[in-house]
Amino acid sequence: MSKEESQEKRLKKMNRADLVEVINELSQRESRLKAENMNLRKQLENKRLRLEDAGSIAEATLSLHAVFETAQRAADHYLEEVRQNHAEAEEQAERIVSEARYKADKMLEDTSAECRQMLQQTTEDIQKKLSALTSEIEKEIEAKVDFKAEEEEAED
């Protein structure tokens, strides 16, 4: 298994807090690289000052060449780290967003199913109460009709 595959596998297993921690570490690494770059720039300035003091043009050329090579390597290293950190952060962000979308869709689906079930149960409850109420009203009407018939028979 390659280093990238094992890193990707490890990242997939991480939770959101761990991913935030990784992003923070990458940000700290970027800060360190910026400081290193600044330090190298200061060294470059120091070497430039030494070049001014150097007696021979050959010494100055060699010194300057070494400084530029060092600065170029540091700049290249810094840019590569920034690119890598950016790519990793984007991948992590994409995974987090994808996972959040999945969870939101699942919650929406579950909530819709629960609402449909509640609506069905409420409809059934209303039907039962309506049936019971209708039955009760019919009994009361029948009792009143019977009572009225008895009254009429009693009057005759």
C-alpha atoms as a PDB file:
ATOM      1  CA  MET A   1       0.000   0.000   0.000  1.00  0.00           C
ATOM      2  CA  SER A   2       1.432   3.387  -0.995  1.00  0.00           C
ATOM      3  CA  LYS A   3       1.931   6.251   1.401  1.00  0.00           C
ATOM      4  CA  GLU A   4      -0.885   8.227  -0.247  1.00  0.00           C
ATOM      5  CA  GLU A   5      -3.306   5.297   0.000  1.00  0.00           C
ATOM      6  CA  SER A   6      -2.541   4.749   3.670  1.00  0.00           C
ATOM      7  CA  GLN A   7      -2.912   8.494   4.358  1.00  0.00           C
ATOM      8  CA  GLU A   8      -6.217   8.555   2.494  1.00  0.00           C
ATOM      9  CA  LYS A   9      -7.438   5.510   4.409  1.00  0.00           C
ATOM     10  CA  ARG A  10      -6.416   7.146   7.682  1.00  0.00           C
ATOM     11  CA  LEU A  11      -8.209  10.392   6.727  1.00  0.00           C
ATOM     12  CA  LYS A  12     -11.410   8.528   5.851  1.00  0.00           C
ATOM     13  CA  LYS A  13     -11.489   7.020   9.326  1.00  0.00           C
ATOM     14  CA  MET A  14     -11.104  10.403  11.041  1.00  0.00           C
ATOM     15  CA  ASN A  15     -14.031  12.253  12.538  1.00  0.00           C
ATOM     16  CA  ARG A  16     -14.704  15.957  12.032  1.00  0.00           C
ATOM     17  CA  ALA A  17     -12.701  17.038  15.122  1.00  0.00           C
ATOM     18  CA  ASP A  18      -9.676  15.035  13.974  1.00  0.00           C
ATOM     19  CA  LEU A  19      -9.936  16.552  10.497  1.00  0.00           C
ATOM     20  CA  VAL A  20     -10.046  20.039  11.999  1.00  0.00           C
ATOM     21  CA  GLU A  21      -6.954  19.126  14.008  1.00  0.00           C
ATOM     22  CA  VAL A  22      -5.196  17.966  10.820  1.00  0.00           C
ATOM     23  CA  ILE A  23      -6.115  21.238   9.129  1.00  0.00           C
ATOM     24  CA  ASN A  24      -4.749  23.133  12.135  1.00  0.00           C
ATOM     25  CA  GLU A  25      -1.515  21.138  11.976  1.00  0.00           C
ATOM     26  CA  LEU A  26      -1.210  21.887   8.272  1.00  0.00           C
ATOM     27  CA  SER A  27      -1.800  25.556   8.995  1.00  0.00           C
ATOM     28  CA  GLN A  28       0.916  25.475  11.664  1.00  0.00           C
ATOM     29  CA  ARG A  29       3.246  23.734   9.227  1.00  0.00           C
ATOM     30  CA  GLU A  30       2.537  26.458   6.685  1.00  0.00           C
ATOM     31  CA  SER A  31       3.335  29.101   9.329  1.00  0.00           C
ATOM     32  CA  ARG A  32       6.624  27.363  10.128  1.00  0.00           C
ATOM     33  CA  LEU A  33       7.504  27.241   6.455  1.00  0.00           C
ATOM     34  CA  LYS A  34       6.704  30.929   6.103  1.00  0.00           C
ATOM     35  CA  ALA A  35       8.979  31.643   9.075  1.00  0.00           C
ATOM     36  CA  GLU A  36      11.691  29.476   7.529  1.00  0.00           C
ATOM     37  CA  ASN A  37      11.263  31.342   4.261  1.00  0.00           C
ATOM     38  CA  MET A  38      11.538  34.669   6.124  1.00  0.00           C
ATOM     39  CA  ASN A  39      14.646  33.415   7.927  1.00  0.00           C
ATOM     40  CA  LEU A  40      16.203  32.391   4.634  1.00  0.00           C
ATOM     41  CA  ARG A  41      15.363  35.781   3.207  1.00  0.00           C
ATOM     42  CA  LYS A  42      17.148  37.388   6.170  1.00  0.00           C
ATOM     43  CA  GLN A  43      20.103  35.103   5.590  1.00  0.00           C
ATOM     44  CA  LEU A  44      20.035  36.167   1.973  1.00  0.00           C
ATOM     45  CA  GLU A  45      20.113  39.789   3.057  1.00  0.00           C
ATOM     46  CA  ASN A  46      22.995  39.047   5.425  1.00  0.00           C
ATOM     47  CA  LYS A  47      24.874  37.304   2.659  1.00  0.00           C
ATOM     48  CA  ARG A  48      24.179  40.233   0.380  1.00  0.00           C
ATOM     49  CA  LEU A  49      25.728  42.525   2.941  1.00  0.00           C
ATOM     50  CA  ARG A  50      28.709  40.222   3.195  1.00  0.00           C
ATOM     51  CA  LEU A  51      29.030  40.326  -0.577  1.00  0.00           C
ATOM     52  CA  GLU A  52      29.366  44.065  -0.395  1.00  0.00           C
ATOM     53  CA  ASP A  53      32.201  43.575   2.057  1.00  0.00           C
ATOM     54  CA  ALA A  54      33.836  40.807   0.034  1.00  0.00           C
ATOM     55  CA  GLY A  55      36.999  41.777  -1.702  1.00  0.00           C
ATOM     56  CA  SER A  56      36.709  39.706  -4.790  1.00  0.00           C
ATOM     57  CA  ILE A  57      33.980  39.407  -7.362  1.00  0.00           C
ATOM     58  CA  ALA A  58      34.531  35.642  -7.591  1.00  0.00           C
ATOM     59  CA  GLU A  59      33.854  35.167  -3.876  1.00  0.00           C
ATOM     60  CA  ALA A  60      30.770  37.311  -4.136  1.00  0.00           C
ATOM     61  CA  THR A  61      29.509  35.358  -7.146  1.00  0.00           C
ATOM     62  CA  LEU A  62      29.987  31.998  -5.427  1.00  0.00           C
ATOM     63  CA  SER A  63      28.381  33.238  -2.229  1.00  0.00           C
ATOM     64  CA  LEU A  64      25.476  34.752  -4.074  1.00  0.00           C
ATOM     65  CA  HIS A  65      24.938  31.614  -6.135  1.00  0.00           C
ATOM     66  CA  ALA A  66      24.773  29.458  -2.989  1.00  0.00           C
ATOM     67  CA  VAL A  67      22.360  31.875  -1.370  1.00  0.00           C
ATOM     68  CA  PHE A  68      20.113  31.890  -4.424  1.00  0.00           C
ATOM     69  CA  GLU A  69      20.173  28.109  -4.632  1.00  0.00           C
ATOM     70  CA  THR A  70      19.220  27.870  -0.964  1.00  0.00           C
ATOM     71  CA  ALA A  71      16.500  30.480  -1.338  1.00  0.00           C
ATOM     72  CA  GLN A  72      15.165  28.776  -4.470  1.00  0.00           C
ATOM     73  CA  ARG A  73      15.068  25.388  -2.747  1.00  0.00           C
ATOM     74  CA  ALA A  74      13.290  26.915   0.236  1.00  0.00           C
ATOM     75  CA  ALA A  75      10.806  28.714  -2.024  1.00  0.00           C
ATOM     76  CA  ASP A  76      10.197  25.542  -4.050  1.00  0.00           C
ATOM     77  CA  HIS A  77       9.754  23.541  -0.854  1.00  0.00           C
ATOM     78  CA  TYR A  78       7.400  26.150   0.554  1.00  0.00           C
ATOM     79  CA  LEU A  79       5.282  26.235  -2.618  1.00  0.00           C
ATOM     80  CA  GLU A  80       5.108  22.438  -2.773  1.00  0.00           C
ATOM     81  CA  GLU A  81       3.984  22.290   0.870  1.00  0.00           C
ATOM     82  CA  VAL A  82       1.354  24.967   0.245  1.00  0.00           C
ATOM     83  CA  ARG A  83       0.050  23.091  -2.810  1.00  0.00           C
ATOM     84  CA  GLN A  84      -0.022  19.823  -0.923  1.00  0.00           C
ATOM     85  CA  ASN A  85      -1.720  21.385   2.111  1.00  0.00           C
ATOM     86  CA  HIS A  86      -4.261  23.088  -0.114  1.00  0.00           C
ATOM     87  CA  ALA A  87      -5.069  19.880  -1.976  1.00  0.00           C
ATOM     88  CA  GLU A  88      -5.394  17.911   1.263  1.00  0.00           C
ATOM     89  CA  ALA A  89      -7.597  20.586   2.826  1.00  0.00           C
ATOM     90  CA  GLU A  90      -9.857  20.643  -0.250  1.00  0.00           C
ATOM     91  CA  GLU A  91     -10.177  16.853  -0.214  1.00  0.00           C
ATOM     92  CA  GLN A  92     -11.035  16.902   3.472  1.00  0.00           C
ATOM     93  CA  ALA A  93     -13.536  19.708   2.971  1.00  0.00           C
ATOM     94  CA  GLU A  94     -15.154  17.795   0.099  1.00  0.00           C
ATOM     95  CA  ARG A  95     -15.461  14.682   2.264  1.00  0.00           C
ATOM     96  CA  ILE A  96     -16.951  16.685   5.143  1.00  0.00           C
ATOM     97  CA  VAL A  97     -19.469  18.401   2.851  1.00  0.00           C
ATOM     98  CA  SER A  98     -20.380  15.093   1.202  1.00  0.00           C
ATOM     99  CA  GLU A  99     -20.894  13.435   4.567  1.00  0.00           C
ATOM    100  CA  ALA A 100     -22.981  16.374   5.806  1.00  0.00           C
ATOM    101  CA  ARG A 101     -25.158  16.228   2.686  1.00  0.00           C
ATOM    102  CA  TYR A 102     -25.669  12.503   3.143  1.00  0.00           C
ATOM    103  CA  LYS A 103     -26.654  12.965   6.790  1.00  0.00           C
ATOM    104  CA  ALA A 104     -28.996  15.856   5.929  1.00  0.00           C
ATOM    105  CA  ASP A 105     -30.676  13.800   3.191  1.00  0.00           C
ATOM    106  CA  LYS A 106     -31.059  10.864   5.583  1.00  0.00           C
ATOM    107  CA  MET A 107     -32.554  13.119   8.279  1.00  0.00           C
ATOM    108  CA  LEU A 108     -34.988  14.589   5.745  1.00  0.00           C
ATOM    109  CA  GLU A 109     -35.991  11.130   4.578  1.00  0.00           C
ATOM    110  CA  ASP A 110     -36.473   9.895   8.156  1.00  0.00           C
ATOM    111  CA  THR A 111     -38.465  12.993   9.116  1.00  0.00           C
ATOM    112  CA  SER A 112     -40.707  12.665   6.052  1.00  0.00           C
ATOM    113  CA  ALA A 113     -41.395   9.013   6.855  1.00  0.00           C
ATOM    114  CA  GLU A 114     -42.175   9.906  10.468  1.00  0.00           C
ATOM    115  CA  CYS A 115     -44.533  12.700   9.338  1.00  0.00           C
ATOM    116  CA  ARG A 116     -46.345  10.344   6.961  1.00  0.00           C
ATOM    117  CA  GLN A 117     -46.744   7.824   9.777  1.00  0.00           C
ATOM    118  CA  MET A 118     -48.033  10.510  12.158  1.00  0.00           C
ATOM    119  CA  LEU A 119     -50.499  11.750   9.499  1.00  0.00           C
ATOM    120  CA  GLN A 120     -51.768   8.214   8.914  1.00  0.00           C
ATOM    121  CA  GLN A 121     -52.175   7.601  12.664  1.00  0.00           C
ATOM    122  CA  THR A 122     -53.964  10.935  13.132  1.00  0.00           C
ATOM    123  CA  THR A 123     -56.311  10.170  10.214  1.00  0.00           C
ATOM    124  CA  GLU A 124     -57.105   6.756  11.705  1.00  0.00           C
ATOM    125  CA  ASP A 125     -57.733   8.309  15.135  1.00  0.00           C
ATOM    126  CA  ILE A 126     -60.060  10.914  13.608  1.00  0.00           C
ATOM    127  CA  GLN A 127     -61.951   8.219  11.696  1.00  0.00           C
ATOM    128  CA  LYS A 128     -62.406   6.183  14.899  1.00  0.00           C
ATOM    129  CA  LYS A 129     -63.598   9.234  16.854  1.00  0.00           C
ATOM    130  CA  LEU A 130     -65.908  10.251  13.993  1.00  0.00           C
ATOM    131  CA  SER A 131     -67.388   6.745  13.894  1.00  0.00           C
ATOM    132  CA  ALA A 132     -67.904   6.711  17.645  1.00  0.00           C
ATOM    133  CA  LEU A 133     -69.450  10.183  17.601  1.00  0.00           C
ATOM    134  CA  THR A 134     -71.714   9.298  14.656  1.00  0.00           C
ATOM    135  CA  SER A 135     -72.838   6.153  16.448  1.00  0.00           C
ATOM    136  CA  GLU A 136     -73.545   8.131  19.616  1.00  0.00           C
ATOM    137  CA  ILE A 137     -75.510  10.780  17.701  1.00  0.00           C
ATOM    138  CA  GLU A 138     -77.521   8.082  15.914  1.00  0.00           C
ATOM    139  CA  LYS A 139     -78.370   6.495  19.277  1.00  0.00           C
ATOM    140  CA  GLU A 140     -79.448   9.862  20.683  1.00  0.00           C
ATOM    141  CA  ILE A 141     -81.591  10.572  17.598  1.00  0.00           C
ATOM    142  CA  GLU A 142     -83.140   7.107  17.845  1.00  0.00           C
ATOM    143  CA  ALA A 143     -83.807   7.615  21.546  1.00  0.00           C
ATOM    144  CA  LYS A 144     -85.453  10.991  20.853  1.00  0.00           C
ATOM    145  CA  VAL A 145     -87.534   9.514  18.024  1.00  0.00           C
ATOM    146  CA  ASP A 146     -88.632   6.670  20.319  1.00  0.00           C
ATOM    147  CA  PHE A 147     -89.384   9.144  23.088  1.00  0.00           C
ATOM    148  CA  LYS A 148     -91.381  11.323  20.685  1.00  0.00           C
ATOM    149  CA  ALA A 149     -93.311   8.266  19.431  1.00  0.00           C
ATOM    150  CA  GLU A 150     -94.098   7.238  23.027  1.00  0.00           C
ATOM    151  CA  GLU A 151     -95.291  10.757  23.804  1.00  0.00           C
ATOM    152  CA  GLU A 152     -97.525  10.731  20.751  1.00  0.00           C
ATOM    153  CA  GLU A 153     -98.953   7.327  21.681  1.00  0.00           C
ATOM    154  CA  ALA A 154     -99.535   8.540  25.203  1.00  0.00           C
ATOM    155  CA  GLU A 155    -101.396  11.570  23.924  1.00  0.00           C
ATOM    156  CA  ASP A 156    -103.676   9.455  21.729  1.00  0.00           C
END
